[in-house]
Amino acid sequence: MTYTGELLEAVSDEGENTLVERVYEIHVEAFDWNCPQHVTPRFTVDEIRTILAPFEERLQALEAENARLRTQLAAKG
């Protein structure tokens, strides 16, 4: 589109006797639908901590087991 041709026709009202004075054309390169300003949190921090507690406990148990097994392997040489 050119500013003097198709774009001016596209924004003009047919049947109106008015003059379009300005036209701004905006090219959007990216758009973020997940803007945190407009996303409502579903869970509170405490709810998330409660949900994740069993996973964190399991992780700690596995890390302790790994440390124990590494110590045993190191002792065997």
PDB file of N, CA and C in Angstrom:
ATOM      1  N   MET A   1       0.843  -1.192   0.000  1.00  0.00           N
ATOM      2  CA  MET A   1       0.000   0.000   0.000  1.00  0.00           C
ATOM      3  C   MET A   1       0.880   1.245   0.000  1.00  0.00           C
ATOM      4  N   THR A   2       0.395   2.260  -0.622  1.00  0.00           N
ATOM      5  CA  THR A   2       1.094   3.537  -0.577  1.00  0.00           C
ATOM      6  C   THR A   2       0.261   4.505   0.231  1.00  0.00           C
ATOM      7  N   TYR A   3       0.914   5.443   0.878  1.00  0.00           N
ATOM      8  CA  TYR A   3       0.187   6.395   1.717  1.00  0.00           C
ATOM      9  C   TYR A   3      -0.778   7.251   0.917  1.00  0.00           C
ATOM     10  N   THR A   4      -0.471   7.492  -0.332  1.00  0.00           N
ATOM     11  CA  THR A   4      -1.331   8.368  -1.117  1.00  0.00           C
ATOM     12  C   THR A   4      -2.436   7.617  -1.825  1.00  0.00           C
ATOM     13  N   GLY A   5      -2.376   6.296  -1.821  1.00  0.00           N
ATOM     14  CA  GLY A   5      -3.357   5.546  -2.594  1.00  0.00           C
ATOM     15  C   GLY A   5      -4.205   4.620  -1.763  1.00  0.00           C
ATOM     16  N   GLU A   6      -3.873   3.342  -1.794  1.00  0.00           N
ATOM     17  CA  GLU A   6      -4.713   2.306  -1.208  1.00  0.00           C
ATOM     18  C   GLU A   6      -4.927   2.489   0.293  1.00  0.00           C
ATOM     19  N   LEU A   7      -3.900   2.899   1.029  1.00  0.00           N
ATOM     20  CA  LEU A   7      -4.035   3.054   2.476  1.00  0.00           C
ATOM     21  C   LEU A   7      -5.027   4.157   2.823  1.00  0.00           C
ATOM     22  N   LEU A   8      -4.957   5.266   2.128  1.00  0.00           N
ATOM     23  CA  LEU A   8      -5.908   6.353   2.383  1.00  0.00           C
ATOM     24  C   LEU A   8      -7.333   5.922   2.044  1.00  0.00           C
ATOM     25  N   GLU A   9      -7.484   5.155   0.985  1.00  0.00           N
ATOM     26  CA  GLU A   9      -8.814   4.644   0.631  1.00  0.00           C
ATOM     27  C   GLU A   9      -9.317   3.680   1.697  1.00  0.00           C
ATOM     28  N   ALA A  10      -8.410   2.864   2.250  1.00  0.00           N
ATOM     29  CA  ALA A  10      -8.808   1.866   3.238  1.00  0.00           C
ATOM     30  C   ALA A  10      -9.326   2.509   4.517  1.00  0.00           C
ATOM     31  N   VAL A  11      -8.829   3.670   4.888  1.00  0.00           N
ATOM     32  CA  VAL A  11      -9.263   4.308   6.137  1.00  0.00           C
ATOM     33  C   VAL A  11     -10.337   5.370   5.914  1.00  0.00           C
ATOM     34  N   SER A  12     -10.673   5.641   4.695  1.00  0.00           N
ATOM     35  CA  SER A  12     -11.705   6.642   4.404  1.00  0.00           C
ATOM     36  C   SER A  12     -13.089   6.015   4.467  1.00  0.00           C
ATOM     37  N   ASP A  13     -14.070   6.803   4.899  1.00  0.00           N
ATOM     38  CA  ASP A  13     -15.457   6.342   4.926  1.00  0.00           C
ATOM     39  C   ASP A  13     -16.128   6.713   3.615  1.00  0.00           C
ATOM     40  N   GLU A  14     -16.700   5.699   2.979  1.00  0.00           N
ATOM     41  CA  GLU A  14     -17.425   5.983   1.739  1.00  0.00           C
ATOM     42  C   GLU A  14     -18.663   6.812   2.062  1.00  0.00           C
ATOM     43  N   GLY A  15     -18.955   7.756   1.243  1.00  0.00           N
ATOM     44  CA  GLY A  15     -20.133   8.584   1.423  1.00  0.00           C
ATOM     45  C   GLY A  15     -19.914   9.779   2.334  1.00  0.00           C
ATOM     46  N   GLU A  16     -18.769   9.812   3.005  1.00  0.00           N
ATOM     47  CA  GLU A  16     -18.461  10.946   3.878  1.00  0.00           C
ATOM     48  C   GLU A  16     -17.633  11.952   3.092  1.00  0.00           C
ATOM     49  N   ASN A  17     -17.912  13.188   3.280  1.00  0.00           N
ATOM     50  CA  ASN A  17     -17.171  14.244   2.587  1.00  0.00           C
ATOM     51  C   ASN A  17     -16.120  14.809   3.540  1.00  0.00           C
ATOM     52  N   THR A  18     -15.172  13.933   3.927  1.00  0.00           N
ATOM     53  CA  THR A  18     -14.127  14.342   4.859  1.00  0.00           C
ATOM     54  C   THR A  18     -12.761  14.043   4.261  1.00  0.00           C
ATOM     55  N   LEU A  19     -11.758  14.696   4.798  1.00  0.00           N
ATOM     56  CA  LEU A  19     -10.392  14.530   4.327  1.00  0.00           C
ATOM     57  C   LEU A  19      -9.576  13.821   5.412  1.00  0.00           C
ATOM     58  N   VAL A  20      -8.909  12.748   5.044  1.00  0.00           N
ATOM     59  CA  VAL A  20      -8.021  12.056   5.970  1.00  0.00           C
ATOM     60  C   VAL A  20      -6.745  12.891   6.057  1.00  0.00           C
ATOM     61  N   GLU A  21      -6.412  13.321   7.281  1.00  0.00           N
ATOM     62  CA  GLU A  21      -5.252  14.180   7.461  1.00  0.00           C
ATOM     63  C   GLU A  21      -3.975  13.397   7.764  1.00  0.00           C
ATOM     64  N   ARG A  22      -4.100  12.331   8.552  1.00  0.00           N
ATOM     65  CA  ARG A  22      -2.912  11.559   8.928  1.00  0.00           C
ATOM     66  C   ARG A  22      -3.242  10.075   8.952  1.00  0.00           C
ATOM     67  N   VAL A  23      -2.243   9.286   8.602  1.00  0.00           N
ATOM     68  CA  VAL A  23      -2.362   7.833   8.666  1.00  0.00           C
ATOM     69  C   VAL A  23      -1.062   7.301   9.257  1.00  0.00           C
ATOM     70  N   TYR A  24      -1.186   6.434  10.247  1.00  0.00           N
ATOM     71  CA  TYR A  24      -0.017   5.781  10.838  1.00  0.00           C
ATOM     72  C   TYR A  24      -0.106   4.295  10.547  1.00  0.00           C
ATOM     73  N   GLU A  25       0.943   3.763  10.004  1.00  0.00           N
ATOM     74  CA  GLU A  25       1.011   2.335   9.718  1.00  0.00           C
ATOM     75  C   GLU A  25       2.030   1.724  10.674  1.00  0.00           C
ATOM     76  N   ILE A  26       1.613   0.704  11.412  1.00  0.00           N
ATOM     77  CA  ILE A  26       2.463   0.080  12.425  1.00  0.00           C
ATOM     78  C   ILE A  26       2.754  -1.348  12.008  1.00  0.00           C
ATOM     79  N   HIS A  27       4.018  -1.710  12.010  1.00  0.00           N
ATOM     80  CA  HIS A  27       4.435  -3.078  11.712  1.00  0.00           C
ATOM     81  C   HIS A  27       4.815  -3.744  13.033  1.00  0.00           C
ATOM     82  N   VAL A  28       4.087  -4.772  13.426  1.00  0.00           N
ATOM     83  CA  VAL A  28       4.353  -5.486  14.669  1.00  0.00           C
ATOM     84  C   VAL A  28       5.285  -6.645  14.366  1.00  0.00           C
ATOM     85  N   GLU A  29       6.436  -6.674  15.028  1.00  0.00           N
ATOM     86  CA  GLU A  29       7.408  -7.743  14.814  1.00  0.00           C
ATOM     87  C   GLU A  29       7.247  -8.864  15.830  1.00  0.00           C
ATOM     88  N   ALA A  30       6.695  -8.562  16.987  1.00  0.00           N
ATOM     89  CA  ALA A  30       6.515  -9.588  18.015  1.00  0.00           C
ATOM     90  C   ALA A  30       5.376  -9.173  18.921  1.00  0.00           C
ATOM     91  N   PHE A  31       4.758 -10.158  19.547  1.00  0.00           N
ATOM     92  CA  PHE A  31       3.661  -9.895  20.460  1.00  0.00           C
ATOM     93  C   PHE A  31       3.690 -10.951  21.545  1.00  0.00           C
ATOM     94  N   ASP A  32       3.520 -10.548  22.791  1.00  0.00           N
ATOM     95  CA  ASP A  32       3.567 -11.468  23.918  1.00  0.00           C
ATOM     96  C   ASP A  32       2.177 -11.590  24.524  1.00  0.00           C
ATOM     97  N   TRP A  33       1.528 -12.719  24.260  1.00  0.00           N
ATOM     98  CA  TRP A  33       0.195 -12.942  24.818  1.00  0.00           C
ATOM     99  C   TRP A  33       0.236 -13.203  26.317  1.00  0.00           C
ATOM    100  N   ASN A  34       1.385 -13.639  26.821  1.00  0.00           N
ATOM    101  CA  ASN A  34       1.488 -14.019  28.225  1.00  0.00           C
ATOM    102  C   ASN A  34       2.081 -12.910  29.078  1.00  0.00           C
ATOM    103  N   CYS A  35       1.680 -11.702  28.833  1.00  0.00           N
ATOM    104  CA  CYS A  35       2.158 -10.575  29.614  1.00  0.00           C
ATOM    105  C   CYS A  35       1.780 -10.797  31.078  1.00  0.00           C
ATOM    106  N   PRO A  36       2.754 -10.837  31.997  1.00  0.00           N
ATOM    107  CA  PRO A  36       2.449 -11.131  33.396  1.00  0.00           C
ATOM    108  C   PRO A  36       1.518 -10.107  34.045  1.00  0.00           C
ATOM    109  N   GLN A  37       1.413  -8.949  33.463  1.00  0.00           N
ATOM    110  CA  GLN A  37       0.511  -7.934  34.001  1.00  0.00           C
ATOM    111  C   GLN A  37      -0.938  -8.401  33.920  1.00  0.00           C
ATOM    112  N   HIS A  38      -1.257  -9.243  32.934  1.00  0.00           N
ATOM    113  CA  HIS A  38      -2.632  -9.648  32.708  1.00  0.00           C
ATOM    114  C   HIS A  38      -2.873 -11.130  32.970  1.00  0.00           C
ATOM    115  N   VAL A  39      -1.892 -11.822  33.550  1.00  0.00           N
ATOM    116  CA  VAL A  39      -2.052 -13.237  33.853  1.00  0.00           C
ATOM    117  C   VAL A  39      -2.403 -13.368  35.329  1.00  0.00           C
ATOM    118  N   THR A  40      -3.548 -13.968  35.607  1.00  0.00           N
ATOM    119  CA  THR A  40      -3.985 -14.147  36.979  1.00  0.00           C
ATOM    120  C   THR A  40      -3.318 -15.388  37.560  1.00  0.00           C
ATOM    121  N   PRO A  41      -2.590 -15.256  38.675  1.00  0.00           N
ATOM    122  CA  PRO A  41      -1.966 -16.426  39.283  1.00  0.00           C
ATOM    123  C   PRO A  41      -3.026 -17.434  39.729  1.00  0.00           C
ATOM    124  N   ARG A  42      -2.797 -18.724  39.447  1.00  0.00           N
ATOM    125  CA  ARG A  42      -3.743 -19.762  39.825  1.00  0.00           C
ATOM    126  C   ARG A  42      -3.481 -20.302  41.214  1.00  0.00           C
ATOM    127  N   PHE A  43      -2.212 -20.242  41.646  1.00  0.00           N
ATOM    128  CA  PHE A  43      -1.831 -20.800  42.935  1.00  0.00           C
ATOM    129  C   PHE A  43      -1.018 -19.786  43.713  1.00  0.00           C
ATOM    130  N   THR A  44      -1.128 -19.845  45.030  1.00  0.00           N
ATOM    131  CA  THR A  44      -0.300 -18.993  45.875  1.00  0.00           C
ATOM    132  C   THR A  44       1.053 -19.677  46.054  1.00  0.00           C
ATOM    133  N   VAL A  45       2.011 -18.945  46.567  1.00  0.00           N
ATOM    134  CA  VAL A  45       3.339 -19.497  46.815  1.00  0.00           C
ATOM    135  C   VAL A  45       3.231 -20.643  47.815  1.00  0.00           C
ATOM    136  N   ASP A  46       2.400 -20.484  48.853  1.00  0.00           N
ATOM    137  CA  ASP A  46       2.239 -21.544  49.859  1.00  0.00           C
ATOM    138  C   ASP A  46       1.631 -22.805  49.253  1.00  0.00           C
ATOM    139  N   GLU A  47       0.673 -22.648  48.336  1.00  0.00           N
ATOM    140  CA  GLU A  47       0.073 -23.820  47.677  1.00  0.00           C
ATOM    141  C   GLU A  47       1.113 -24.561  46.836  1.00  0.00           C
ATOM    142  N   ILE A  48       1.951 -23.813  46.155  1.00  0.00           N
ATOM    143  CA  ILE A  48       2.996 -24.434  45.325  1.00  0.00           C
ATOM    144  C   ILE A  48       4.001 -25.156  46.210  1.00  0.00           C
ATOM    145  N   ARG A  49       4.380 -24.535  47.316  1.00  0.00           N
ATOM    146  CA  ARG A  49       5.316 -25.189  48.245  1.00  0.00           C
ATOM    147  C   ARG A  49       4.732 -26.497  48.764  1.00  0.00           C
ATOM    148  N   THR A  50       3.451 -26.507  49.081  1.00  0.00           N
ATOM    149  CA  THR A  50       2.786 -27.715  49.583  1.00  0.00           C
ATOM    150  C   THR A  50       2.782 -28.802  48.520  1.00  0.00           C
ATOM    151  N   ILE A  51       2.489 -28.428  47.298  1.00  0.00           N
ATOM    152  CA  ILE A  51       2.437 -29.395  46.193  1.00  0.00           C
ATOM    153  C   ILE A  51       3.829 -29.970  45.914  1.00  0.00           C
ATOM    154  N   LEU A  52       4.852 -29.125  45.980  1.00  0.00           N
ATOM    155  CA  LEU A  52       6.211 -29.554  45.644  1.00  0.00           C
ATOM    156  C   LEU A  52       6.943 -30.227  46.799  1.00  0.00           C
ATOM    157  N   ALA A  53       6.423 -30.151  48.000  1.00  0.00           N
ATOM    158  CA  ALA A  53       7.113 -30.704  49.173  1.00  0.00           C
ATOM    159  C   ALA A  53       7.512 -32.169  49.001  1.00  0.00           C
ATOM    160  N   PRO A  54       6.617 -33.068  48.540  1.00  0.00           N
ATOM    161  CA  PRO A  54       7.030 -34.465  48.368  1.00  0.00           C
ATOM    162  C   PRO A  54       8.175 -34.625  47.354  1.00  0.00           C
ATOM    163  N   PHE A  55       8.185 -33.837  46.320  1.00  0.00           N
ATOM    164  CA  PHE A  55       9.251 -33.913  45.316  1.00  0.00           C
ATOM    165  C   PHE A  55      10.573 -33.432  45.902  1.00  0.00           C
ATOM    166  N   GLU A  56      10.516 -32.371  46.698  1.00  0.00           N
ATOM    167  CA  GLU A  56      11.736 -31.869  47.322  1.00  0.00           C
ATOM    168  C   GLU A  56      12.285 -32.881  48.327  1.00  0.00           C
ATOM    169  N   GLU A  57      11.390 -33.540  49.079  1.00  0.00           N
ATOM    170  CA  GLU A  57      11.828 -34.562  50.028  1.00  0.00           C
ATOM    171  C   GLU A  57      12.486 -35.725  49.290  1.00  0.00           C
ATOM    172  N   ARG A  58      11.888 -36.138  48.183  1.00  0.00           N
ATOM    173  CA  ARG A  58      12.456 -37.241  47.387  1.00  0.00           C
ATOM    174  C   ARG A  58      13.814 -36.840  46.822  1.00  0.00           C
ATOM    175  N   LEU A  59      13.933 -35.618  46.354  1.00  0.00           N
ATOM    176  CA  LEU A  59      15.196 -35.123  45.822  1.00  0.00           C
ATOM    177  C   LEU A  59      16.278 -35.153  46.901  1.00  0.00           C
ATOM    178  N   GLN A  60      15.948 -34.703  48.099  1.00  0.00           N
ATOM    179  CA  GLN A  60      16.919 -34.710  49.191  1.00  0.00           C
ATOM    180  C   GLN A  60      17.335 -36.139  49.526  1.00  0.00           C
ATOM    181  N   ALA A  61      16.389 -37.075  49.527  1.00  0.00           N
ATOM    182  CA  ALA A  61      16.709 -38.477  49.813  1.00  0.00           C
ATOM    183  C   ALA A  61      17.637 -39.050  48.739  1.00  0.00           C
ATOM    184  N   LEU A  62      17.369 -38.739  47.483  1.00  0.00           N
ATOM    185  CA  LEU A  62      18.221 -39.232  46.394  1.00  0.00           C
ATOM    186  C   LEU A  62      19.618 -38.621  46.452  1.00  0.00           C
ATOM    187  N   GLU A  63      19.700 -37.341  46.785  1.00  0.00           N
ATOM    188  CA  GLU A  63      21.010 -36.696  46.901  1.00  0.00           C
ATOM    189  C   GLU A  63      21.807 -37.313  48.052  1.00  0.00           C
ATOM    190  N   ALA A  64      21.135 -37.626  49.157  1.00  0.00           N
ATOM    191  CA  ALA A  64      21.821 -38.268  50.282  1.00  0.00           C
ATOM    192  C   ALA A  64      22.291 -39.668  49.887  1.00  0.00           C
ATOM    193  N   GLU A  65      21.455 -40.403  49.167  1.00  0.00           N
ATOM    194  CA  GLU A  65      21.835 -41.745  48.701  1.00  0.00           C
ATOM    195  C   GLU A  65      23.033 -41.658  47.761  1.00  0.00           C
ATOM    196  N   ASN A  66      23.022 -40.710  46.846  1.00  0.00           N
ATOM    197  CA  ASN A  66      24.154 -40.530  45.926  1.00  0.00           C
ATOM    198  C   ASN A  66      25.432 -40.229  46.695  1.00  0.00           C
ATOM    199  N   ALA A  67      25.353 -39.376  47.685  1.00  0.00           N
ATOM    200  CA  ALA A  67      26.533 -39.034  48.479  1.00  0.00           C
ATOM    201  C   ALA A  67      27.059 -40.274  49.202  1.00  0.00           C
ATOM    202  N   ARG A  68      26.158 -41.074  49.771  1.00  0.00           N
ATOM    203  CA  ARG A  68      26.547 -42.289  50.477  1.00  0.00           C
ATOM    204  C   ARG A  68      27.222 -43.267  49.514  1.00  0.00           C
ATOM    205  N   LEU A  69      26.632 -43.469  48.333  1.00  0.00           N
ATOM    206  CA  LEU A  69      27.200 -44.400  47.358  1.00  0.00           C
ATOM    207  C   LEU A  69      28.551 -43.921  46.821  1.00  0.00           C
ATOM    208  N   ARG A  70      28.710 -42.634  46.629  1.00  0.00           N
ATOM    209  CA  ARG A  70      30.000 -42.082  46.179  1.00  0.00           C
ATOM    210  C   ARG A  70      31.077 -42.309  47.230  1.00  0.00           C
ATOM    211  N   THR A  71      30.682 -42.137  48.494  1.00  0.00           N
ATOM    212  CA  THR A  71      31.635 -42.386  49.589  1.00  0.00           C
ATOM    213  C   THR A  71      32.057 -43.846  49.597  1.00  0.00           C
ATOM    214  N   GLN A  72      31.101 -44.751  49.402  1.00  0.00           N
ATOM    215  CA  GLN A  72      31.413 -46.186  49.374  1.00  0.00           C
ATOM    216  C   GLN A  72      32.350 -46.526  48.198  1.00  0.00           C
ATOM    217  N   LEU A  73      32.047 -45.945  47.036  1.00  0.00           N
ATOM    218  CA  LEU A  73      32.901 -46.205  45.868  1.00  0.00           C
ATOM    219  C   LEU A  73      34.316 -45.666  46.085  1.00  0.00           C
ATOM    220  N   ALA A  74      34.404 -44.483  46.668  1.00  0.00           N
ATOM    221  CA  ALA A  74      35.720 -43.884  46.919  1.00  0.00           C
ATOM    222  C   ALA A  74      36.518 -44.728  47.907  1.00  0.00           C
ATOM    223  N   ALA A  75      35.818 -45.334  48.888  1.00  0.00           N
ATOM    224  CA  ALA A  75      36.504 -46.138  49.897  1.00  0.00           C
ATOM    225  C   ALA A  75      37.046 -47.440  49.283  1.00  0.00           C
ATOM    226  N   LYS A  76      36.356 -47.956  48.250  1.00  0.00           N
ATOM    227  CA  LYS A  76      36.795 -49.194  47.599  1.00  0.00           C
ATOM    228  C   LYS A  76      37.961 -48.944  46.649  1.00  0.00           C
ATOM    229  N   GLY A  77      38.149 -47.704  46.284  1.00  0.00           N
ATOM    230  CA  GLY A  77      39.316 -47.323  45.542  1.00  0.00           C
ATOM    231  C   GLY A  77      39.252 -47.371  44.100  1.00  0.00           C
TER     232      GLY A  77
END
